[in-house]
Protein backbone atom coordinates (compact mmCIF):
# COMPACT_ATOMS: atom_id res chain seq x y z
CA MET A 1 -0.08 -2.08 -20.80
CA LYS A 2 0.28 0.53 -18.47
CA HIS A 3 -2.22 3.11 -17.54
CA TRP A 4 0.17 6.11 -17.76
CA GLN A 5 4.19 7.28 -17.96
CA MET A 6 6.60 8.36 -16.32
CA ASP A 7 6.41 11.48 -19.20
CA ASP A 8 2.74 11.68 -18.20
CA VAL A 9 3.52 13.85 -15.43
CA ALA A 10 3.65 17.44 -14.84
CA TRP A 11 7.21 17.71 -13.31
CA ASP A 12 8.00 20.75 -14.63
CA GLN A 13 5.11 21.86 -12.31
CA PHE A 14 6.76 20.93 -9.27
CA ASP A 15 6.74 24.00 -6.13
CA PRO A 16 8.99 23.18 -3.41
CA GLY A 17 7.37 26.04 -1.14
CA LYS A 18 4.12 23.52 -1.17
CA VAL A 19 5.84 20.12 -0.01
CA ASP A 20 4.77 18.83 3.36
CA PRO A 21 7.60 17.68 5.26
CA ASP A 22 6.07 15.15 6.98
CA ILE A 23 3.49 13.78 3.41
CA ALA A 24 7.55 13.91 1.82
CA LYS A 25 8.68 11.32 4.10
CA LEU A 26 5.54 8.67 3.69
CA VAL A 27 6.68 8.97 0.19
CA ARG A 28 9.76 8.41 0.54
CA ALA A 29 8.78 5.37 2.47
CA ALA A 30 6.33 4.40 0.00
CA ALA A 31 8.90 4.41 -3.02
CA MET A 32 10.77 1.75 -1.35
CA VAL A 33 7.54 -0.74 -0.44
CA GLU A 34 6.27 -0.40 -3.58
CA ARG A 35 9.58 -0.19 -6.12
CA ASN A 36 9.92 -3.88 -4.22
CA ALA A 37 7.33 -5.47 -6.52
CA PRO A 38 9.75 -8.19 -8.15
CA ASP A 39 10.05 -10.08 -4.95
CA TYR A 40 6.37 -9.96 -4.78
CA ILE A 41 6.01 -11.01 -8.26
CA THR A 42 8.17 -14.03 -7.65
CA TYR A 43 6.50 -15.29 -4.78
CA LEU A 44 3.18 -15.37 -6.23
CA ARG A 45 4.55 -16.88 -9.54
CA ASN A 46 5.31 -19.61 -7.31
CA VAL A 47 1.96 -19.80 -5.89
CA PHE A 48 0.04 -19.81 -8.72
CA ALA A 49 2.73 -21.31 -11.02
CA ASP A 50 0.32 -23.79 -13.02
CA ASP A 51 -1.87 -20.36 -13.51
CA PRO A 52 -1.04 -18.76 -16.49
CA ALA A 53 -3.76 -16.11 -16.64
CA PHE A 54 -2.75 -15.28 -13.06
CA CYS A 55 0.71 -15.05 -13.57
CA GLN A 56 0.24 -12.77 -16.59
CA ALA A 57 -2.42 -10.47 -14.06
CA ALA A 58 0.37 -10.39 -12.00
CA ASP A 59 3.01 -9.60 -14.24
CA TYR A 60 1.09 -6.65 -15.20
CA TRP A 61 0.60 -5.79 -11.78
CA ALA A 62 4.00 -5.44 -11.08
CA THR A 63 5.10 -3.18 -13.50
CA GLU A 64 2.33 -0.88 -12.39
CA GLU A 65 3.95 -1.41 -8.88
CA ILE A 66 7.58 -0.71 -10.13
CA GLN A 67 7.11 2.47 -11.95
CA HIS A 68 4.85 3.70 -8.98
CA GLY A 69 7.81 3.15 -6.82
CA ASP A 70 10.05 5.39 -9.16
CA ALA A 71 7.93 8.10 -9.61
CA LEU A 72 7.31 8.46 -6.02
CA GLY A 73 11.15 7.98 -5.87
CA ARG A 74 12.02 11.15 -8.15
CA TRP A 75 9.48 13.02 -6.79
CA GLY A 76 11.53 12.37 -3.41
CA GLU A 77 14.58 13.49 -5.09
CA LEU A 78 12.57 17.16 -6.37
CA ALA A 79 11.48 17.24 -2.60
CA ALA A 80 14.46 16.99 -0.32
CA PRO A 81 17.42 17.78 -2.77
CA GLY A 82 20.86 15.29 -2.24
CA TRP A 83 18.02 12.33 -1.21
CA ASP A 84 19.08 9.81 -3.50
CA TYR A 85 16.43 6.96 -4.03
CA ALA A 86 18.42 4.48 -5.82
CA THR A 87 20.93 4.45 -2.18
CA SER A 88 18.05 4.28 -0.50
CA PHE A 89 15.92 1.39 -2.16
CA ALA A 90 19.32 -0.58 -2.10
CA ARG A 91 19.03 -0.25 1.53
CA TYR A 92 16.00 -1.20 1.70
CA ARG A 93 16.36 -3.97 -0.36
CA GLN A 94 19.66 -5.27 1.45
CA GLY A 95 17.35 -5.37 4.64
CA TYR A 96 14.03 -6.13 4.08
CA LYS A 97 13.11 -10.21 2.43
CA ILE A 98 10.34 -11.92 1.92
CA ASP A 99 10.63 -15.79 1.30
CA LEU A 100 10.81 -16.25 -2.33
CA ASP A 101 10.99 -19.66 -1.74
CA ALA A 102 7.93 -20.47 -0.99
CA ALA A 103 5.73 -22.86 -2.96
CA SER A 104 2.33 -22.35 -1.51
CA SER A 105 0.46 -19.04 0.00
CA ILE A 106 1.42 -18.14 3.51
CA ARG A 107 -2.19 -17.25 4.30
CA GLY A 108 -3.20 -21.45 3.53
CA SER A 109 -4.61 -21.28 0.62
CA ARG A 110 -4.91 -19.48 -3.04
CA SER A 111 -8.53 -17.81 -2.43
CA GLY A 112 -6.40 -16.28 1.11
CA GLU A 113 -3.77 -15.05 -1.09
CA LEU A 114 -6.38 -13.42 -3.28
CA ILE A 115 -7.94 -11.57 0.02
CA ALA A 116 -5.36 -10.53 0.87
CA ARG A 117 -4.20 -8.83 -2.35
CA CYS A 118 -7.40 -7.28 -2.77
CA MET A 119 -6.54 -6.07 1.11
CA VAL A 120 -3.17 -4.26 0.32
CA GLU A 121 -4.95 -2.92 -3.08
CA THR A 122 -7.83 -1.30 -0.47
CA GLY A 123 -5.13 -0.19 1.45
CA THR A 124 -3.09 1.81 -0.70
CA SER A 125 -5.93 3.26 -3.05
CA SER A 126 -6.94 4.98 0.03
CA TYR A 127 -3.94 6.09 1.00
CA TYR A 128 -3.28 7.55 -1.88
CA THR A 129 -6.54 9.24 -2.38
CA ALA A 130 -5.83 10.87 1.25
CA LEU A 131 -2.88 12.08 0.28
CA ALA A 132 -3.61 13.63 -2.89
CA ASP A 133 -6.33 15.07 -1.26
CA ALA A 134 -4.04 16.04 1.75
CA THR A 135 -0.87 17.52 -0.51
CA SER A 136 -1.01 21.25 -2.21
CA GLU A 137 2.11 20.65 -4.47
CA PRO A 138 1.02 20.30 -7.53
CA VAL A 139 2.80 17.12 -9.23
CA LEU A 140 2.81 14.67 -5.82
CA LYS A 141 -1.10 15.44 -6.18
CA GLN A 142 -1.34 13.59 -9.45
CA ILE A 143 1.14 11.54 -8.91
CA CYS A 144 -1.03 9.86 -5.78
CA ARG A 145 -4.18 10.45 -8.57
CA LEU A 146 -2.33 8.69 -11.00
CA ILE A 147 -1.12 5.67 -8.40
CA ALA A 148 -4.26 4.86 -5.83
CA ALA A 149 -6.78 4.81 -9.57
CA ASP A 150 -4.04 2.04 -10.32
CA GLU A 151 -4.78 0.68 -7.23
CA TYR A 152 -8.41 0.54 -7.88
CA ARG A 153 -8.34 -1.02 -10.98
CA HIS A 154 -5.81 -3.68 -8.86
CA PHE A 155 -8.55 -4.31 -6.22
CA LYS A 156 -10.92 -5.29 -9.49
CA LEU A 157 -8.24 -7.61 -10.99
CA PHE A 158 -7.25 -9.94 -7.64
CA TYR A 159 -10.90 -9.36 -6.87
CA ASP A 160 -12.05 -11.46 -10.05
CA HIS A 161 -9.43 -13.98 -9.66
CA LEU A 162 -10.69 -14.29 -6.15
CA ARG A 163 -14.00 -15.01 -7.34
CA ARG A 164 -12.59 -17.89 -9.29
CA TYR A 165 -10.52 -19.65 -6.82
CA LEU A 166 -13.80 -19.29 -4.31
CA ALA A 167 -15.80 -21.34 -6.81
CA ARG A 168 -13.50 -24.40 -5.98
CA GLU A 169 -11.99 -23.26 -2.20
CA LYS A 170 -15.40 -22.30 -0.39
CA LEU A 171 -14.24 -20.10 1.56
CA ASN A 172 -16.57 -19.16 4.43
CA LEU A 173 -17.52 -15.86 5.60
CA TRP A 174 -15.74 -16.13 8.72
CA GLN A 175 -12.20 -17.26 7.66
CA ARG A 176 -12.29 -15.12 4.75
CA PHE A 177 -12.96 -11.80 7.48
CA LYS A 178 -9.81 -13.38 9.78
CA ILE A 179 -7.47 -13.28 6.63
CA ALA A 180 -8.86 -9.65 5.61
CA LEU A 181 -8.40 -9.19 9.02
CA GLY A 182 -5.06 -10.44 9.48
CA ARG A 183 -3.52 -8.48 6.54
CA ILE A 184 -4.84 -5.17 7.43
CA GLY A 185 -3.09 -6.04 11.28
CA GLU A 186 0.61 -6.54 9.35
CA SER A 187 0.79 -2.97 8.54
CA GLU A 188 2.09 -2.39 11.77
CA ASP A 189 5.02 -5.53 10.77
CA ASP A 190 8.29 -4.54 9.10
CA GLU A 191 8.18 -3.80 5.28
CA LEU A 192 6.89 -0.05 6.12
CA ALA A 193 8.74 0.84 9.39
CA TYR A 194 11.70 -0.47 8.03
CA ALA A 195 10.78 1.51 4.25
CA PHE A 196 10.54 4.40 6.21
CA HIS A 197 13.89 4.04 7.96
CA CYS A 198 15.48 3.83 4.56
CA GLY A 199 14.02 6.67 3.41
CA ASN A 200 14.10 9.30 6.14
CA GLU A 201 17.25 7.96 8.70
CA PRO A 202 20.87 7.90 8.11
CA THR A 203 23.02 4.75 7.94
CA SER A 204 24.52 5.30 10.84
CA GLN A 205 20.88 4.66 12.81
CA THR A 206 20.25 2.06 14.29
CA TYR A 207 16.97 0.48 12.71
CA ASP A 208 13.75 -0.08 15.58
CA HIS A 209 10.77 -0.98 14.54
CA THR A 210 8.67 0.72 17.38
CA ARG A 211 10.52 3.93 16.85
CA CYS A 212 9.59 2.85 12.93
CA SER A 213 6.04 2.17 13.16
CA GLY A 214 5.55 4.91 14.83
CA ALA A 215 7.07 7.45 13.15
CA TYR A 216 4.92 6.30 10.03
CA LEU A 217 1.80 5.47 11.24
CA GLY A 218 1.98 8.89 13.15
CA ARG A 219 2.15 10.59 9.83
CA ALA A 220 0.37 8.72 7.58
CA LEU A 221 -3.07 8.80 9.80
CA ARG A 222 -3.52 12.00 10.30
CA PHE A 223 -4.03 12.46 6.97
CA TYR A 224 -6.94 10.63 6.78
CA GLN A 225 -10.44 11.87 6.64
CA PRO A 226 -14.26 9.65 7.02
CA ARG A 227 -14.73 9.39 3.04
CA HIS A 228 -11.28 7.25 2.93
CA ILE A 229 -12.10 4.79 5.22
CA GLU A 230 -16.26 4.92 3.80
CA ARG A 231 -14.14 3.58 0.42
CA ALA A 232 -12.10 1.42 2.00
CA THR A 233 -14.72 -0.24 4.18
CA GLY A 234 -16.55 -1.06 1.04
CA MET A 235 -14.09 -2.60 -0.57
CA LEU A 236 -13.56 -4.58 2.18
CA LEU A 237 -16.61 -5.64 2.70
CA LYS A 238 -17.00 -6.93 -0.91
CA THR A 239 -14.09 -8.90 -0.98
CA ILE A 240 -15.04 -11.15 2.20
CA GLY A 241 -18.79 -11.21 0.65
CA LEU A 242 -20.82 -9.05 2.15
CA PRO A 243 -23.02 -6.11 0.44
CA PRO A 244 -20.68 -2.97 0.36
CA ARG A 245 -22.88 -0.69 1.08
CA GLY A 246 -26.40 -0.15 3.36
CA ASN A 247 -26.63 0.12 7.03
CA LEU A 248 -23.69 -2.69 7.67
CA SER A 249 -20.84 -0.74 5.60
CA THR A 250 -22.08 2.47 7.22
CA ALA A 251 -21.40 0.71 10.56
CA PHE A 252 -18.28 -0.74 9.84
CA ALA A 253 -17.14 2.52 8.57
CA TRP A 254 -17.92 4.93 12.03
CA LEU A 255 -16.31 2.13 13.83
CA SER A 256 -13.06 2.22 11.68
CA TRP A 257 -13.18 6.15 11.80
CA ARG A 258 -13.39 5.94 15.19
CA VAL A 259 -10.75 3.21 15.65
CA LEU A 260 -8.36 5.49 13.79
CA GLN A 261 -8.78 8.39 15.25
CA GLN A 262 -8.27 7.16 18.33
CA ARG A 263 -5.17 5.52 17.30
CA ALA A 264 -3.57 8.17 15.77
CA ALA A 265 -4.55 10.40 19.05
CA LYS A 266 -2.11 7.46 20.41
CA PHE A 267 0.82 8.46 18.12
CA ALA A 268 0.55 11.79 17.99
CA ARG A 269 1.00 12.10 22.23
CA GLU A 270 4.12 9.99 21.59
CA ARG A 271 5.55 12.13 18.71
CA ALA A 272 5.10 14.91 21.12
């Protein structure tokens, strides 16, 4: 059962004068990715075909992800009259596809798949929290807070199933760490870059991964603050089996923040 409905959003409070154009572009891209959950549920059902408890949980996850995309898409249409969410998403679906025939996880094990899912939810929870804090547009602020709360619950959902599978598969700390970092690195693959292209660039413009990835990350990274990184760091460490608080978490969060600042500065220079 969903924790909120589209009608719970105060759509009548939308204030066009408080729309940040850069945030609006990020929202249009995010709508594409969130709405694409049906493909991922097909993949997850294949990987966990003999685990009805997980499949039921994954169905619950997908239902909320679809609503995230629809809420962001509706806001995107308010923020940019003339932009069509359905048309942009159809374009995204046509050009970006995952392997729906895979019968086993591309991470090498079910535990690895669940670690990757935890990393996705870690990233989205911190990202939507950062956008909620950055925007002054009241409807988007509400939507991002609702989504961030959902994504944190999704993290706990996947983490609970991860603990169950680790009892059988027993991945060591290094194996878990490699999978987690690998999934974080995939934030620069075509999923988000192509979503930015479909949500923001005309059909006449040829997709270029480097341009679109830079355009997306150059905007997204500048909205993070240290507290968002600290929270994400704790979730990452918990996923790989380390204490989410303490000296290690503090040091890792500081290092992550420094890396993020350097990358944000790099993208800012490229945009300039």
